PDB file of N, CA and C in Angstrom:
ATOM      1  N   MET A   1       1.512  70.445 -68.223  1.00  0.00           N
ATOM      2  CA  MET A   1       0.102  70.661 -67.915  1.00  0.00           C
ATOM      3  C   MET A   1      -0.071  70.451 -66.405  1.00  0.00           C
ATOM      4  N   ASN A   2      -0.757  71.385 -65.753  1.00  0.00           N
ATOM      5  CA  ASN A   2      -0.904  71.246 -64.304  1.00  0.00           C
ATOM      6  C   ASN A   2      -2.074  70.326 -63.939  1.00  0.00           C
ATOM      7  N   ILE A   3      -2.064  69.890 -62.702  1.00  0.00           N
ATOM      8  CA  ILE A   3      -3.041  68.901 -62.227  1.00  0.00           C
ATOM      9  C   ILE A   3      -4.478  69.414 -62.317  1.00  0.00           C
ATOM     10  N   GLN A   4      -4.688  70.715 -62.121  1.00  0.00           N
ATOM     11  CA  GLN A   4      -6.044  71.270 -62.211  1.00  0.00           C
ATOM     12  C   GLN A   4      -6.615  71.085 -63.621  1.00  0.00           C
ATOM     13  N   ILE A   5      -5.793  71.365 -64.606  1.00  0.00           N
ATOM     14  CA  ILE A   5      -6.235  71.217 -65.995  1.00  0.00           C
ATOM     15  C   ILE A   5      -6.483  69.741 -66.308  1.00  0.00           C
ATOM     16  N   ILE A   6      -5.610  68.874 -65.813  1.00  0.00           N
ATOM     17  CA  ILE A   6      -5.786  67.432 -66.042  1.00  0.00           C
ATOM     18  C   ILE A   6      -7.113  66.952 -65.463  1.00  0.00           C
ATOM     19  N   ILE A   7      -7.436  67.382 -64.242  1.00  0.00           N
ATOM     20  CA  ILE A   7      -8.707  66.975 -63.624  1.00  0.00           C
ATOM     21  C   ILE A   7      -9.889  67.497 -64.429  1.00  0.00           C
ATOM     22  N   ALA A   8      -9.814  68.752 -64.874  1.00  0.00           N
ATOM     23  CA  ALA A   8     -10.905  69.316 -65.679  1.00  0.00           C
ATOM     24  C   ALA A   8     -11.077  68.541 -66.979  1.00  0.00           C
ATOM     25  N   VAL A   9      -9.967  68.220 -67.647  1.00  0.00           N
ATOM     26  CA  VAL A   9     -10.036  67.477 -68.912  1.00  0.00           C
ATOM     27  C   VAL A   9     -10.578  66.068 -68.680  1.00  0.00           C
ATOM     28  N   LEU A  10     -10.140  65.402 -67.610  1.00  0.00           N
ATOM     29  CA  LEU A  10     -10.662  64.069 -67.298  1.00  0.00           C
ATOM     30  C   LEU A  10     -12.160  64.112 -67.007  1.00  0.00           C
ATOM     31  N   THR A  11     -12.612  65.181 -66.360  1.00  0.00           N
ATOM     32  CA  THR A  11     -14.038  65.353 -66.093  1.00  0.00           C
ATOM     33  C   THR A  11     -14.816  65.458 -67.405  1.00  0.00           C
ATOM     34  N   ILE A  12     -14.272  66.234 -68.337  1.00  0.00           N
ATOM     35  CA  ILE A  12     -14.898  66.366 -69.661  1.00  0.00           C
ATOM     36  C   ILE A  12     -14.920  65.018 -70.383  1.00  0.00           C
ATOM     37  N   LEU A  13     -13.800  64.306 -70.349  1.00  0.00           N
ATOM     38  CA  LEU A  13     -13.727  63.014 -71.042  1.00  0.00           C
ATOM     39  C   LEU A  13     -14.703  62.002 -70.462  1.00  0.00           C
ATOM     40  N   LEU A  14     -14.847  61.987 -69.137  1.00  0.00           N
ATOM     41  CA  LEU A  14     -15.825  61.104 -68.509  1.00  0.00           C
ATOM     42  C   LEU A  14     -17.232  61.434 -69.003  1.00  0.00           C
ATOM     43  N   GLY A  15     -17.569  62.719 -68.991  1.00  0.00           N
ATOM     44  CA  GLY A  15     -18.889  63.130 -69.477  1.00  0.00           C
ATOM     45  C   GLY A  15     -19.102  62.789 -70.936  1.00  0.00           C
ATOM     46  N   ALA A  16     -18.083  63.018 -71.757  1.00  0.00           N
ATOM     47  CA  ALA A  16     -18.199  62.719 -73.190  1.00  0.00           C
ATOM     48  C   ALA A  16     -18.390  61.225 -73.422  1.00  0.00           C
ATOM     49  N   PHE A  17     -17.669  60.396 -72.655  1.00  0.00           N
ATOM     50  CA  PHE A  17     -17.827  58.946 -72.775  1.00  0.00           C
ATOM     51  C   PHE A  17     -19.262  58.535 -72.488  1.00  0.00           C
ATOM     52  N   VAL A  18     -19.857  59.101 -71.441  1.00  0.00           N
ATOM     53  CA  VAL A  18     -21.230  58.744 -71.079  1.00  0.00           C
ATOM     54  C   VAL A  18     -22.222  59.237 -72.133  1.00  0.00           C
ATOM     55  N   ILE A  19     -21.965  60.391 -72.718  1.00  0.00           N
ATOM     56  CA  ILE A  19     -22.838  60.883 -73.786  1.00  0.00           C
ATOM     57  C   ILE A  19     -22.807  59.914 -74.964  1.00  0.00           C
ATOM     58  N   ILE A  20     -21.614  59.421 -75.294  1.00  0.00           N
ATOM     59  CA  ILE A  20     -21.456  58.520 -76.437  1.00  0.00           C
ATOM     60  C   ILE A  20     -21.955  57.108 -76.118  1.00  0.00           C
ATOM     61  N   ARG A  21     -21.683  56.627 -74.893  1.00  0.00           N
ATOM     62  CA  ARG A  21     -22.038  55.252 -74.513  1.00  0.00           C
ATOM     63  C   ARG A  21     -22.847  55.245 -73.213  1.00  0.00           C
ATOM     64  N   PRO A  22     -24.052  55.762 -73.220  1.00  0.00           N
ATOM     65  CA  PRO A  22     -24.828  55.871 -71.979  1.00  0.00           C
ATOM     66  C   PRO A  22     -25.139  54.535 -71.307  1.00  0.00           C
ATOM     67  N   THR A  23     -25.259  53.480 -72.101  1.00  0.00           N
ATOM     68  CA  THR A  23     -25.578  52.181 -71.500  1.00  0.00           C
ATOM     69  C   THR A  23     -24.382  51.586 -70.758  1.00  0.00           C
ATOM     70  N   ALA A  24     -23.175  52.096 -70.967  1.00  0.00           N
ATOM     71  CA  ALA A  24     -21.991  51.619 -70.245  1.00  0.00           C
ATOM     72  C   ALA A  24     -22.080  51.950 -68.762  1.00  0.00           C
ATOM     73  N   VAL A  25     -22.898  52.922 -68.400  1.00  0.00           N
ATOM     74  CA  VAL A  25     -23.086  53.292 -66.996  1.00  0.00           C
ATOM     75  C   VAL A  25     -23.609  52.095 -66.209  1.00  0.00           C
ATOM     76  N   TYR A  26     -24.450  51.289 -66.830  1.00  0.00           N
ATOM     77  CA  TYR A  26     -25.028  50.134 -66.132  1.00  0.00           C
ATOM     78  C   TYR A  26     -23.947  49.164 -65.668  1.00  0.00           C
ATOM     79  N   ASN A  27     -22.958  48.928 -66.514  1.00  0.00           N
ATOM     80  CA  ASN A  27     -21.918  47.965 -66.175  1.00  0.00           C
ATOM     81  C   ASN A  27     -21.172  48.337 -64.897  1.00  0.00           C
ATOM     82  N   PHE A  28     -21.034  49.623 -64.617  1.00  0.00           N
ATOM     83  CA  PHE A  28     -20.291  50.063 -63.435  1.00  0.00           C
ATOM     84  C   PHE A  28     -21.202  50.345 -62.249  1.00  0.00           C
ATOM     85  N   THR A  29     -22.332  50.984 -62.503  1.00  0.00           N
ATOM     86  CA  THR A  29     -23.193  51.440 -61.404  1.00  0.00           C
ATOM     87  C   THR A  29     -24.370  50.518 -61.112  1.00  0.00           C
ATOM     88  N   GLY A  30     -24.747  49.717 -62.085  1.00  0.00           N
ATOM     89  CA  GLY A  30     -25.950  48.908 -61.917  1.00  0.00           C
ATOM     90  C   GLY A  30     -27.210  49.687 -62.249  1.00  0.00           C
ATOM     91  N   LEU A  31     -27.058  50.944 -62.620  1.00  0.00           N
ATOM     92  CA  LEU A  31     -28.187  51.793 -62.971  1.00  0.00           C
ATOM     93  C   LEU A  31     -28.717  51.373 -64.334  1.00  0.00           C
ATOM     94  N   SER A  32     -30.002  51.061 -64.405  1.00  0.00           N
ATOM     95  CA  SER A  32     -30.595  50.692 -65.679  1.00  0.00           C
ATOM     96  C   SER A  32     -31.785  51.604 -65.965  1.00  0.00           C
ATOM     97  N   VAL A  33     -32.151  51.651 -67.223  1.00  0.00           N
ATOM     98  CA  VAL A  33     -33.248  52.516 -67.641  1.00  0.00           C
ATOM     99  C   VAL A  33     -34.234  51.727 -68.481  1.00  0.00           C
ATOM    100  N   ASN A  34     -35.430  52.249 -68.544  1.00  0.00           N
ATOM    101  CA  ASN A  34     -36.462  51.694 -69.413  1.00  0.00           C
ATOM    102  C   ASN A  34     -36.730  52.701 -70.514  1.00  0.00           C
ATOM    103  N   GLY A  35     -36.268  52.413 -71.686  1.00  0.00           N
ATOM    104  CA  GLY A  35     -36.580  53.246 -72.832  1.00  0.00           C
ATOM    105  C   GLY A  35     -35.620  54.393 -73.058  1.00  0.00           C
ATOM    106  N   VAL A  36     -35.887  55.095 -74.148  1.00  0.00           N
ATOM    107  CA  VAL A  36     -34.994  56.160 -74.589  1.00  0.00           C
ATOM    108  C   VAL A  36     -35.028  57.381 -73.668  1.00  0.00           C
ATOM    109  N   ARG A  37     -36.130  57.593 -72.971  1.00  0.00           N
ATOM    110  CA  ARG A  37     -36.204  58.735 -72.041  1.00  0.00           C
ATOM    111  C   ARG A  37     -35.168  58.596 -70.933  1.00  0.00           C
ATOM    112  N   GLY A  38     -35.001  57.392 -70.409  1.00  0.00           N
ATOM    113  CA  GLY A  38     -33.999  57.142 -69.379  1.00  0.00           C
ATOM    114  C   GLY A  38     -32.585  57.325 -69.900  1.00  0.00           C
ATOM    115  N   ILE A  39     -32.348  56.893 -71.139  1.00  0.00           N
ATOM    116  CA  ILE A  39     -31.031  57.076 -71.750  1.00  0.00           C
ATOM    117  C   ILE A  39     -30.726  58.554 -71.902  1.00  0.00           C
ATOM    118  N   THR A  40     -31.735  59.335 -72.262  1.00  0.00           N
ATOM    119  CA  THR A  40     -31.544  60.787 -72.355  1.00  0.00           C
ATOM    120  C   THR A  40     -31.109  61.359 -71.011  1.00  0.00           C
ATOM    121  N   GLU A  41     -31.733  60.919 -69.934  1.00  0.00           N
ATOM    122  CA  GLU A  41     -31.373  61.428 -68.602  1.00  0.00           C
ATOM    123  C   GLU A  41     -29.945  61.057 -68.212  1.00  0.00           C
ATOM    124  N   ILE A  42     -29.535  59.842 -68.545  1.00  0.00           N
ATOM    125  CA  ILE A  42     -28.151  59.446 -68.263  1.00  0.00           C
ATOM    126  C   ILE A  42     -27.192  60.337 -69.047  1.00  0.00           C
ATOM    127  N   ARG A  43     -27.478  60.553 -70.322  1.00  0.00           N
ATOM    128  CA  ARG A  43     -26.617  61.429 -71.133  1.00  0.00           C
ATOM    129  C   ARG A  43     -26.557  62.836 -70.549  1.00  0.00           C
ATOM    130  N   VAL A  44     -27.699  63.350 -70.122  1.00  0.00           N
ATOM    131  CA  VAL A  44     -27.766  64.730 -69.634  1.00  0.00           C
ATOM    132  C   VAL A  44     -27.050  64.893 -68.286  1.00  0.00           C
ATOM    133  N   ILE A  45     -27.401  64.058 -67.310  1.00  0.00           N
ATOM    134  CA  ILE A  45     -26.881  64.221 -65.954  1.00  0.00           C
ATOM    135  C   ILE A  45     -25.458  63.704 -65.825  1.00  0.00           C
ATOM    136  N   PHE A  46     -25.199  62.486 -66.280  1.00  0.00           N
ATOM    137  CA  PHE A  46     -23.866  61.904 -66.139  1.00  0.00           C
ATOM    138  C   PHE A  46     -22.920  62.347 -67.248  1.00  0.00           C
ATOM    139  N   GLY A  47     -23.463  62.809 -68.341  1.00  0.00           N
ATOM    140  CA  GLY A  47     -22.642  63.236 -69.467  1.00  0.00           C
ATOM    141  C   GLY A  47     -22.525  64.743 -69.575  1.00  0.00           C
ATOM    142  N   GLY A  48     -23.624  65.360 -69.942  1.00  0.00           N
ATOM    143  CA  GLY A  48     -23.608  66.802 -70.195  1.00  0.00           C
ATOM    144  C   GLY A  48     -23.193  67.636 -69.003  1.00  0.00           C
ATOM    145  N   LEU A  49     -23.675  67.269 -67.832  1.00  0.00           N
ATOM    146  CA  LEU A  49     -23.316  68.026 -66.629  1.00  0.00           C
ATOM    147  C   LEU A  49     -21.820  67.933 -66.360  1.00  0.00           C
ATOM    148  N   PHE A  50     -21.240  66.743 -66.524  1.00  0.00           N
ATOM    149  CA  PHE A  50     -19.809  66.596 -66.278  1.00  0.00           C
ATOM    150  C   PHE A  50     -18.972  67.301 -67.349  1.00  0.00           C
ATOM    151  N   VAL A  51     -19.426  67.310 -68.575  1.00  0.00           N
ATOM    152  CA  VAL A  51     -18.724  68.080 -69.608  1.00  0.00           C
ATOM    153  C   VAL A  51     -18.719  69.559 -69.218  1.00  0.00           C
ATOM    154  N   ALA A  52     -19.860  70.076 -68.810  1.00  0.00           N
ATOM    155  CA  ALA A  52     -19.952  71.490 -68.422  1.00  0.00           C
ATOM    156  C   ALA A  52     -19.113  71.787 -67.173  1.00  0.00           C
ATOM    157  N   LEU A  53     -19.165  70.893 -66.178  1.00  0.00           N
ATOM    158  CA  LEU A  53     -18.371  71.099 -64.961  1.00  0.00           C
ATOM    159  C   LEU A  53     -16.881  71.144 -65.271  1.00  0.00           C
ATOM    160  N   GLY A  54     -16.423  70.292 -66.164  1.00  0.00           N
ATOM    161  CA  GLY A  54     -15.009  70.282 -66.532  1.00  0.00           C
ATOM    162  C   GLY A  54     -14.631  71.437 -67.439  1.00  0.00           C
ATOM    163  N   ALA A  55     -15.529  71.831 -68.315  1.00  0.00           N
ATOM    164  CA  ALA A  55     -15.226  72.900 -69.275  1.00  0.00           C
ATOM    165  C   ALA A  55     -15.216  74.276 -68.627  1.00  0.00           C
ATOM    166  N   ALA A  56     -16.063  74.499 -67.639  1.00  0.00           N
ATOM    167  CA  ALA A  56     -16.176  75.834 -67.033  1.00  0.00           C
ATOM    168  C   ALA A  56     -14.837  76.378 -66.540  1.00  0.00           C
ATOM    169  N   PRO A  57     -14.052  75.629 -65.756  1.00  0.00           N
ATOM    170  CA  PRO A  57     -12.775  76.178 -65.312  1.00  0.00           C
ATOM    171  C   PRO A  57     -11.810  76.450 -66.463  1.00  0.00           C
ATOM    172  N   LEU A  58     -11.850  75.616 -67.505  1.00  0.00           N
ATOM    173  CA  LEU A  58     -10.967  75.841 -68.642  1.00  0.00           C
ATOM    174  C   LEU A  58     -11.363  77.101 -69.409  1.00  0.00           C
ATOM    175  N   ILE A  59     -12.658  77.323 -69.544  1.00  0.00           N
ATOM    176  CA  ILE A  59     -13.150  78.512 -70.253  1.00  0.00           C
ATOM    177  C   ILE A  59     -12.919  79.772 -69.426  1.00  0.00           C
ATOM    178  N   LEU A  60     -13.260  79.704 -68.139  1.00  0.00           N
ATOM    179  CA  LEU A  60     -13.145  80.878 -67.268  1.00  0.00           C
ATOM    180  C   LEU A  60     -11.708  81.166 -66.860  1.00  0.00           C
ATOM    181  N   ASN A  61     -10.865  80.144 -66.850  1.00  0.00           N
ATOM    182  CA  ASN A  61      -9.456  80.272 -66.497  1.00  0.00           C
ATOM    183  C   ASN A  61      -9.268  81.075 -65.212  1.00  0.00           C
ATOM    184  N   SER A  62      -9.980  80.639 -64.189  1.00  0.00           N
ATOM    185  CA  SER A  62      -9.989  81.346 -62.913  1.00  0.00           C
ATOM    186  C   SER A  62      -9.773  80.345 -61.782  1.00  0.00           C
ATOM    187  N   PRO A  63      -8.946  80.709 -60.792  1.00  0.00           N
ATOM    188  CA  PRO A  63      -8.780  79.818 -59.641  1.00  0.00           C
ATOM    189  C   PRO A  63     -10.115  79.475 -58.972  1.00  0.00           C
ATOM    190  N   ALA A  64     -11.030  80.425 -58.934  1.00  0.00           N
ATOM    191  CA  ALA A  64     -12.335  80.185 -58.311  1.00  0.00           C
ATOM    192  C   ALA A  64     -13.127  79.121 -59.073  1.00  0.00           C
ATOM    193  N   ALA A  65     -12.967  79.069 -60.376  1.00  0.00           N
ATOM    194  CA  ALA A  65     -13.687  78.072 -61.175  1.00  0.00           C
ATOM    195  C   ALA A  65     -13.161  76.664 -60.887  1.00  0.00           C
ATOM    196  N   TYR A  66     -11.855  76.537 -60.693  1.00  0.00           N
ATOM    197  CA  TYR A  66     -11.297  75.232 -60.323  1.00  0.00           C
ATOM    198  C   TYR A  66     -11.751  74.832 -58.926  1.00  0.00           C
ATOM    199  N   LYS A  67     -11.846  75.793 -58.024  1.00  0.00           N
ATOM    200  CA  LYS A  67     -12.377  75.521 -56.677  1.00  0.00           C
ATOM    201  C   LYS A  67     -13.831  75.058 -56.769  1.00  0.00           C
ATOM    202  N   MET A  68     -14.592  75.676 -57.657  1.00  0.00           N
ATOM    203  CA  MET A  68     -15.992  75.281 -57.856  1.00  0.00           C
ATOM    204  C   MET A  68     -16.082  73.826 -58.291  1.00  0.00           C
ATOM    205  N   LEU A  69     -15.197  73.403 -59.186  1.00  0.00           N
ATOM    206  CA  LEU A  69     -15.181  72.008 -59.615  1.00  0.00           C
ATOM    207  C   LEU A  69     -14.825  71.111 -58.431  1.00  0.00           C
ATOM    208  N   GLY A  70     -13.881  71.545 -57.602  1.00  0.00           N
ATOM    209  CA  GLY A  70     -13.534  70.789 -56.401  1.00  0.00           C
ATOM    210  C   GLY A  70     -14.705  70.673 -55.443  1.00  0.00           C
ATOM    211  N   ILE A  71     -15.428  71.764 -55.261  1.00  0.00           N
ATOM    212  CA  ILE A  71     -16.614  71.742 -54.393  1.00  0.00           C
ATOM    213  C   ILE A  71     -17.665  70.788 -54.960  1.00  0.00           C
ATOM    214  N   ALA A  72     -17.832  70.784 -56.277  1.00  0.00           N
ATOM    215  CA  ALA A  72     -18.795  69.871 -56.895  1.00  0.00           C
ATOM    216  C   ALA A  72     -18.408  68.420 -56.610  1.00  0.00           C
ATOM    217  N   TYR A  73     -17.124  68.101 -56.767  1.00  0.00           N
ATOM    218  CA  TYR A  73     -16.680  66.729 -56.475  1.00  0.00           C
ATOM    219  C   TYR A  73     -16.888  66.368 -55.005  1.00  0.00           C
ATOM    220  N   ILE A  74     -16.581  67.279 -54.099  1.00  0.00           N
ATOM    221  CA  ILE A  74     -16.765  67.006 -52.669  1.00  0.00           C
ATOM    222  C   ILE A  74     -18.259  66.885 -52.344  1.00  0.00           C
ATOM    223  N   GLY A  75     -19.086  67.690 -52.981  1.00  0.00           N
ATOM    224  CA  GLY A  75     -20.535  67.584 -52.776  1.00  0.00           C
ATOM    225  C   GLY A  75     -21.074  66.240 -53.239  1.00  0.00           C
ATOM    226  N   ILE A  76     -20.581  65.772 -54.378  1.00  0.00           N
ATOM    227  CA  ILE A  76     -20.985  64.459 -54.878  1.00  0.00           C
ATOM    228  C   ILE A  76     -20.518  63.377 -53.910  1.00  0.00           C
ATOM    229  N   ALA A  77     -19.269  63.491 -53.437  1.00  0.00           N
ATOM    230  CA  ALA A  77     -18.718  62.497 -52.504  1.00  0.00           C
ATOM    231  C   ALA A  77     -19.491  62.488 -51.191  1.00  0.00           C
ATOM    232  N   ALA A  78     -19.825  63.664 -50.676  1.00  0.00           N
ATOM    233  CA  ALA A  78     -20.571  63.736 -49.416  1.00  0.00           C
ATOM    234  C   ALA A  78     -21.948  63.095 -49.554  1.00  0.00           C
ATOM    235  N   THR A  79     -22.585  63.341 -50.672  1.00  0.00           N
ATOM    236  CA  THR A  79     -23.888  62.724 -50.923  1.00  0.00           C
ATOM    237  C   THR A  79     -23.752  61.212 -51.046  1.00  0.00           C
ATOM    238  N   ARG A  80     -22.688  60.770 -51.702  1.00  0.00           N
ATOM    239  CA  ARG A  80     -22.456  59.333 -51.852  1.00  0.00           C
ATOM    240  C   ARG A  80     -22.242  58.685 -50.480  1.00  0.00           C
ATOM    241  N   ILE A  81     -21.453  59.326 -49.617  1.00  0.00           N
ATOM    242  CA  ILE A  81     -21.212  58.778 -48.275  1.00  0.00           C
ATOM    243  C   ILE A  81     -22.537  58.647 -47.521  1.00  0.00           C
ATOM    244  N   GLY A  82     -23.338  59.689 -47.557  1.00  0.00           N
ATOM    245  CA  GLY A  82     -24.643  59.637 -46.891  1.00  0.00           C
ATOM    246  C   GLY A  82     -25.510  58.520 -47.426  1.00  0.00           C
ATOM    247  N   SER A  83     -25.498  58.351 -48.732  1.00  0.00           N
ATOM    248  CA  SER A  83     -26.292  57.305 -49.352  1.00  0.00           C
ATOM    249  C   SER A  83     -25.749  55.918 -49.026  1.00  0.00           C
ATOM    250  N   MET A  84     -24.430  55.779 -49.023  1.00  0.00           N
ATOM    251  CA  MET A  84     -23.823  54.489 -48.709  1.00  0.00           C
ATOM    252  C   MET A  84     -24.175  54.043 -47.291  1.00  0.00           C
ATOM    253  N   VAL A  85     -24.244  55.006 -46.381  1.00  0.00           N
ATOM    254  CA  VAL A  85     -24.567  54.690 -44.987  1.00  0.00           C
ATOM    255  C   VAL A  85     -26.059  54.410 -44.834  1.00  0.00           C
ATOM    256  N   SER A  86     -26.893  55.254 -45.419  1.00  0.00           N
ATOM    257  CA  SER A  86     -28.339  55.111 -45.213  1.00  0.00           C
ATOM    258  C   SER A  86     -28.938  53.941 -45.989  1.00  0.00           C
ATOM    259  N   ASP A  87     -28.306  53.527 -47.096  1.00  0.00           N
ATOM    260  CA  ASP A  87     -28.943  52.518 -47.939  1.00  0.00           C
ATOM    261  C   ASP A  87     -28.813  51.062 -47.486  1.00  0.00           C
ATOM    262  N   PRO A  88     -27.872  50.518 -46.864  1.00  0.00           N
ATOM    263  CA  PRO A  88     -26.414  50.657 -46.961  1.00  0.00           C
ATOM    264  C   PRO A  88     -25.896  49.957 -48.224  1.00  0.00           C
ATOM    265  N   CYS A  89     -24.848  50.549 -48.801  1.00  0.00           N
ATOM    266  CA  CYS A  89     -24.294  50.012 -50.038  1.00  0.00           C
ATOM    267  C   CYS A  89     -22.798  50.313 -50.087  1.00  0.00           C
ATOM    268  N   PHE A  90     -22.011  49.317 -49.746  1.00  0.00           N
ATOM    269  CA  PHE A  90     -20.560  49.475 -49.726  1.00  0.00           C
ATOM    270  C   PHE A  90     -19.895  48.614 -50.793  1.00  0.00           C
ATOM    271  N   GLU A  91     -20.542  48.537 -51.940  1.00  0.00           N
ATOM    272  CA  GLU A  91     -19.999  47.757 -53.051  1.00  0.00           C
ATOM    273  C   GLU A  91     -18.701  48.380 -53.545  1.00  0.00           C
ATOM    274  N   ARG A  92     -17.875  47.545 -54.143  1.00  0.00           N
ATOM    275  CA  ARG A  92     -16.569  47.987 -54.647  1.00  0.00           C
ATOM    276  C   ARG A  92     -16.696  49.177 -55.591  1.00  0.00           C
ATOM    277  N   SER A  93     -17.652  49.133 -56.514  1.00  0.00           N
ATOM    278  CA  SER A  93     -17.808  50.231 -57.474  1.00  0.00           C
ATOM    279  C   SER A  93     -18.167  51.538 -56.773  1.00  0.00           C
ATOM    280  N   ASN A  94     -18.918  51.454 -55.688  1.00  0.00           N
ATOM    281  CA  ASN A  94     -19.271  52.651 -54.927  1.00  0.00           C
ATOM    282  C   ASN A  94     -18.031  53.230 -54.245  1.00  0.00           C
ATOM    283  N   LEU A  95     -17.192  52.371 -53.713  1.00  0.00           N
ATOM    284  CA  LEU A  95     -15.965  52.828 -53.064  1.00  0.00           C
ATOM    285  C   LEU A  95     -14.990  53.425 -54.083  1.00  0.00           C
ATOM    286  N   ILE A  96     -14.907  52.821 -55.266  1.00  0.00           N
ATOM    287  CA  ILE A  96     -14.063  53.375 -56.328  1.00  0.00           C
ATOM    288  C   ILE A  96     -14.579  54.751 -56.734  1.00  0.00           C
ATOM    289  N   SER A  97     -15.877  54.871 -56.893  1.00  0.00           N
ATOM    290  CA  SER A  97     -16.464  56.165 -57.241  1.00  0.00           C
ATOM    291  C   SER A  97     -16.163  57.201 -56.165  1.00  0.00           C
ATOM    292  N   LEU A  98     -16.295  56.800 -54.908  1.00  0.00           N
ATOM    293  CA  LEU A  98     -16.032  57.715 -53.804  1.00  0.00           C
ATOM    294  C   LEU A  98     -14.600  58.236 -53.853  1.00  0.00           C
ATOM    295  N   LEU A  99     -13.655  57.363 -54.061  1.00  0.00           N
ATOM    296  CA  LEU A  99     -12.256  57.801 -54.157  1.00  0.00           C
ATOM    297  C   LEU A  99     -12.033  58.708 -55.359  1.00  0.00           C
ATOM    298  N   SER A 100     -12.707  58.394 -56.481  1.00  0.00           N
ATOM    299  CA  SER A 100     -12.538  59.209 -57.684  1.00  0.00           C
ATOM    300  C   SER A 100     -13.217  60.568 -57.559  1.00  0.00           C
ATOM    301  N   GLU A 101     -13.996  60.767 -56.516  1.00  0.00           N
ATOM    302  CA  GLU A 101     -14.616  62.064 -56.241  1.00  0.00           C
ATOM    303  C   GLU A 101     -13.830  62.828 -55.172  1.00  0.00           C
ATOM    304  N   ILE A 102     -13.425  62.123 -54.119  1.00  0.00           N
ATOM    305  CA  ILE A 102     -12.712  62.779 -53.019  1.00  0.00           C
ATOM    306  C   ILE A 102     -11.334  63.268 -53.467  1.00  0.00           C
ATOM    307  N   ILE A 103     -10.599  62.424 -54.172  1.00  0.00           N
ATOM    308  CA  ILE A 103      -9.223  62.783 -54.546  1.00  0.00           C
ATOM    309  C   ILE A 103      -9.167  64.049 -55.398  1.00  0.00           C
ATOM    310  N   PRO A 104      -9.886  64.120 -56.528  1.00  0.00           N
ATOM    311  CA  PRO A 104      -9.810  65.373 -57.299  1.00  0.00           C
ATOM    312  C   PRO A 104     -10.420  66.555 -56.550  1.00  0.00           C
ATOM    313  N   GLY A 105     -11.463  66.284 -55.757  1.00  0.00           N
ATOM    314  CA  GLY A 105     -12.075  67.375 -55.002  1.00  0.00           C
ATOM    315  C   GLY A 105     -11.094  68.011 -54.035  1.00  0.00           C
ATOM    316  N   VAL A 106     -10.403  67.190 -53.279  1.00  0.00           N
ATOM    317  CA  VAL A 106      -9.423  67.707 -52.314  1.00  0.00           C
ATOM    318  C   VAL A 106      -8.275  68.398 -53.032  1.00  0.00           C
ATOM    319  N   ILE A 107      -7.772  67.781 -54.088  1.00  0.00           N
ATOM    320  CA  ILE A 107      -6.676  68.409 -54.843  1.00  0.00           C
ATOM    321  C   ILE A 107      -7.079  69.788 -55.321  1.00  0.00           C
ATOM    322  N   LEU A 108      -8.261  69.897 -55.931  1.00  0.00           N
ATOM    323  CA  LEU A 108      -8.698  71.196 -56.465  1.00  0.00           C
ATOM    324  C   LEU A 108      -8.933  72.216 -55.365  1.00  0.00           C
ATOM    325  N   LEU A 109      -9.398  71.795 -54.208  1.00  0.00           N
ATOM    326  CA  LEU A 109      -9.625  72.734 -53.122  1.00  0.00           C
ATOM    327  C   LEU A 109      -8.322  73.184 -52.459  1.00  0.00           C
ATOM    328  N   LEU A 110      -7.315  72.338 -52.478  1.00  0.00           N
ATOM    329  CA  LEU A 110      -6.055  72.690 -51.823  1.00  0.00           C
ATOM    330  C   LEU A 110      -5.121  73.514 -52.712  1.00  0.00           C
ATOM    331  N   LEU A 111      -5.311  73.457 -54.013  1.00  0.00           N
ATOM    332  CA  LEU A 111      -4.425  74.214 -54.915  1.00  0.00           C
ATOM    333  C   LEU A 111      -4.870  75.640 -55.098  1.00  0.00           C
TER     334      LEU A 111
END
């Protein structure tokens, strides 16, 4: 199995985990919600979107689709960097998230 497929599958698994256990996001990010409406948003944005982002390249089976996933990861990382600087927030979990976005993003863009 090539690295592009592994990254896409890991993206799907991350999204699926959040859909199943949305409150687990709090333990890592500190993000909390009030009520079921907030839980729905966590499932949709952190879960459903990541499932779709990971599934698209597998369904389309196109080099451009894998590049799109790489661009999405780099876009998330760039936004995180901007937020870390402007907020400022250099917590360990933020740095781990940043690495987990930059590494697959660069790999997908270079392949």
